[in-house]
Amino acid sequence: RYVRHGIFTTALVTRTMSAFQEEFNLAVEVANKLPKASNEDMLEMYGWFKQSNLGDVNTARPGMFDMKGKAKWDAWEKCKGVSKEEAMQKYCEVIKRLSA
């Protein structure tokens, strides 16, 4: 059985990693076509994207003069401890919300 969410179709079965990856890849494509999002939304997308691909933040926080770098680092840090699968799901949820 499938549920339709806008441009996404989600199976109502236990999802394998490849299913997460497929939905995540679709969400990345959709994100690249979205109109300009707010800074908060962009940072939320960034944090979940980095957590999905690299796991927990693994760099030092940027210095005080790198405001953009600090904001991005902080967004990623907020996702610390979340599994790759859950981070992919959270990223997809953000994209679904923004594309609605």
C-alpha atoms as a PDB file:
ATOM      1  CA  ARG A   1       0.000   0.000   0.000  1.00  0.00           C
ATOM      2  CA  TYR A   2       1.189   3.502  -0.774  1.00  0.00           C
ATOM      3  CA  VAL A   3       0.338   6.945   0.554  1.00  0.00           C
ATOM      4  CA  ARG A   4       0.678   9.993  -1.683  1.00  0.00           C
ATOM      5  CA  HIS A   5       2.228  13.151  -0.165  1.00  0.00           C
ATOM      6  CA  GLY A   6       2.381  15.792  -2.884  1.00  0.00           C
ATOM      7  CA  ILE A   7       5.207  14.636  -5.144  1.00  0.00           C
ATOM      8  CA  PHE A   8       6.300  11.881  -2.744  1.00  0.00           C
ATOM      9  CA  THR A   9       4.874   8.380  -2.532  1.00  0.00           C
ATOM     10  CA  THR A  10       5.624   6.477   0.660  1.00  0.00           C
ATOM     11  CA  ALA A  11       5.147   2.746   1.110  1.00  0.00           C
ATOM     12  CA  LEU A  12       3.344   1.643   4.259  1.00  0.00           C
ATOM     13  CA  VAL A  13       5.810  -1.181   4.886  1.00  0.00           C
ATOM     14  CA  THR A  14       9.084  -1.527   6.714  1.00  0.00           C
ATOM     15  CA  ARG A  15      11.488   0.575   4.707  1.00  0.00           C
ATOM     16  CA  THR A  16      14.911  -0.606   3.737  1.00  0.00           C
ATOM     17  CA  MET A  17      17.950   1.624   3.582  1.00  0.00           C
ATOM     18  CA  SER A  18      17.595   1.789  -0.206  1.00  0.00           C
ATOM     19  CA  ALA A  19      14.027   3.055   0.220  1.00  0.00           C
ATOM     20  CA  PHE A  20      15.275   5.793   2.552  1.00  0.00           C
ATOM     21  CA  GLN A  21      18.033   6.620   0.076  1.00  0.00           C
ATOM     22  CA  GLU A  22      15.621   6.801  -2.867  1.00  0.00           C
ATOM     23  CA  GLU A  23      13.240   9.150  -1.056  1.00  0.00           C
ATOM     24  CA  PHE A  24      16.182  11.217   0.190  1.00  0.00           C
ATOM     25  CA  ASN A  25      17.609  11.514  -3.343  1.00  0.00           C
ATOM     26  CA  LEU A  26      14.211  12.647  -4.630  1.00  0.00           C
ATOM     27  CA  ALA A  27      13.970  15.199  -1.830  1.00  0.00           C
ATOM     28  CA  VAL A  28      17.418  16.576  -2.742  1.00  0.00           C
ATOM     29  CA  GLU A  29      16.256  17.012  -6.349  1.00  0.00           C
ATOM     30  CA  VAL A  30      13.091  18.765  -5.178  1.00  0.00           C
ATOM     31  CA  ALA A  31      15.075  20.988  -2.785  1.00  0.00           C
ATOM     32  CA  ASN A  32      17.227  22.206  -5.662  1.00  0.00           C
ATOM     33  CA  LYS A  33      14.073  23.371  -7.470  1.00  0.00           C
ATOM     34  CA  LEU A  34      12.358  25.060  -4.520  1.00  0.00           C
ATOM     35  CA  PRO A  35      11.926  28.822  -4.529  1.00  0.00           C
ATOM     36  CA  LYS A  36      14.085  30.729  -2.049  1.00  0.00           C
ATOM     37  CA  ALA A  37      13.430  29.451   1.464  1.00  0.00           C
ATOM     38  CA  SER A  38      13.909  31.369   4.713  1.00  0.00           C
ATOM     39  CA  ASN A  39      17.288  31.282   6.440  1.00  0.00           C
ATOM     40  CA  GLU A  40      15.800  29.115   9.204  1.00  0.00           C
ATOM     41  CA  ASP A  41      14.477  26.597   6.683  1.00  0.00           C
ATOM     42  CA  MET A  42      17.774  26.576   4.780  1.00  0.00           C
ATOM     43  CA  LEU A  43      19.696  25.911   7.998  1.00  0.00           C
ATOM     44  CA  GLU A  44      17.305  23.129   8.990  1.00  0.00           C
ATOM     45  CA  MET A  45      17.742  21.506   5.560  1.00  0.00           C
ATOM     46  CA  TYR A  46      21.520  21.907   5.828  1.00  0.00           C
ATOM     47  CA  GLY A  47      21.687  20.293   9.273  1.00  0.00           C
ATOM     48  CA  TRP A  48      19.651  17.245   8.263  1.00  0.00           C
ATOM     49  CA  PHE A  49      21.517  16.920   4.955  1.00  0.00           C
ATOM     50  CA  LYS A  50      24.923  16.933   6.678  1.00  0.00           C
ATOM     51  CA  GLN A  51      23.734  14.513   9.375  1.00  0.00           C
ATOM     52  CA  SER A  52      22.374  12.190   6.665  1.00  0.00           C
ATOM     53  CA  ASN A  53      25.630  12.170   4.749  1.00  0.00           C
ATOM     54  CA  LEU A  54      28.371  12.583   7.368  1.00  0.00           C
ATOM     55  CA  GLY A  55      26.820  11.772  10.737  1.00  0.00           C
ATOM     56  CA  ASP A  56      27.619  13.824  13.828  1.00  0.00           C
ATOM     57  CA  VAL A  57      29.485  17.085  13.392  1.00  0.00           C
ATOM     58  CA  ASN A  58      33.195  16.302  13.158  1.00  0.00           C
ATOM     59  CA  THR A  59      34.824  19.729  12.862  1.00  0.00           C
ATOM     60  CA  ALA A  60      35.562  22.569  15.234  1.00  0.00           C
ATOM     61  CA  ARG A  61      33.049  25.406  15.387  1.00  0.00           C
ATOM     62  CA  PRO A  62      34.114  28.240  13.063  1.00  0.00           C
ATOM     63  CA  GLY A  63      35.573  31.411  14.532  1.00  0.00           C
ATOM     64  CA  MET A  64      33.626  34.469  15.583  1.00  0.00           C
ATOM     65  CA  PHE A  65      34.084  36.314  12.292  1.00  0.00           C
ATOM     66  CA  ASP A  66      32.558  33.486  10.229  1.00  0.00           C
ATOM     67  CA  MET A  67      28.883  34.113  11.003  1.00  0.00           C
ATOM     68  CA  LYS A  68      27.567  31.995   8.128  1.00  0.00           C
ATOM     69  CA  GLY A  69      29.881  29.101   8.991  1.00  0.00           C
ATOM     70  CA  LYS A  70      28.841  29.243  12.653  1.00  0.00           C
ATOM     71  CA  ALA A  71      25.139  29.223  11.760  1.00  0.00           C
ATOM     72  CA  LYS A  72      25.623  26.199   9.502  1.00  0.00           C
ATOM     73  CA  TRP A  73      27.751  24.407  12.117  1.00  0.00           C
ATOM     74  CA  ASP A  74      25.124  25.096  14.807  1.00  0.00           C
ATOM     75  CA  ALA A  75      22.349  23.735  12.563  1.00  0.00           C
ATOM     76  CA  TRP A  76      24.330  20.533  12.035  1.00  0.00           C
ATOM     77  CA  GLU A  77      25.196  20.279  15.745  1.00  0.00           C
ATOM     78  CA  LYS A  78      21.457  20.350  16.594  1.00  0.00           C
ATOM     79  CA  CYS A  79      21.118  17.063  14.691  1.00  0.00           C
ATOM     80  CA  LYS A  80      23.844  15.333  16.703  1.00  0.00           C
ATOM     81  CA  GLY A  81      23.054  11.775  17.754  1.00  0.00           C
ATOM     82  CA  VAL A  82      20.355  11.202  15.113  1.00  0.00           C
ATOM     83  CA  SER A  83      20.792   8.091  12.941  1.00  0.00           C
ATOM     84  CA  LYS A  84      21.390   8.392   9.213  1.00  0.00           C
ATOM     85  CA  GLU A  85      17.951   6.938   8.448  1.00  0.00           C
ATOM     86  CA  GLU A  86      16.141   9.290  10.816  1.00  0.00           C
ATOM     87  CA  ALA A  87      18.101  12.281   9.491  1.00  0.00           C
ATOM     88  CA  MET A  88      17.094  11.336   5.937  1.00  0.00           C
ATOM     89  CA  GLN A  89      13.486  11.116   7.060  1.00  0.00           C
ATOM     90  CA  LYS A  90      13.671  14.508   8.805  1.00  0.00           C
ATOM     91  CA  TYR A  91      15.230  16.072   5.687  1.00  0.00           C
ATOM     92  CA  CYS A  92      12.411  14.658   3.552  1.00  0.00           C
ATOM     93  CA  GLU A  93       9.811  16.018   5.996  1.00  0.00           C
ATOM     94  CA  VAL A  94      11.296  19.511   5.727  1.00  0.00           C
ATOM     95  CA  ILE A  95      11.238  19.340   1.925  1.00  0.00           C
ATOM     96  CA  LYS A  96       7.647  18.061   1.943  1.00  0.00           C
ATOM     97  CA  ARG A  97       6.607  20.949   4.186  1.00  0.00           C
ATOM     98  CA  LEU A  98       8.366  23.524   1.998  1.00  0.00           C
ATOM     99  CA  SER A  99       7.030  22.096  -1.265  1.00  0.00           C
ATOM    100  CA  ALA A 100       3.398  21.958  -0.076  1.00  0.00           C
END
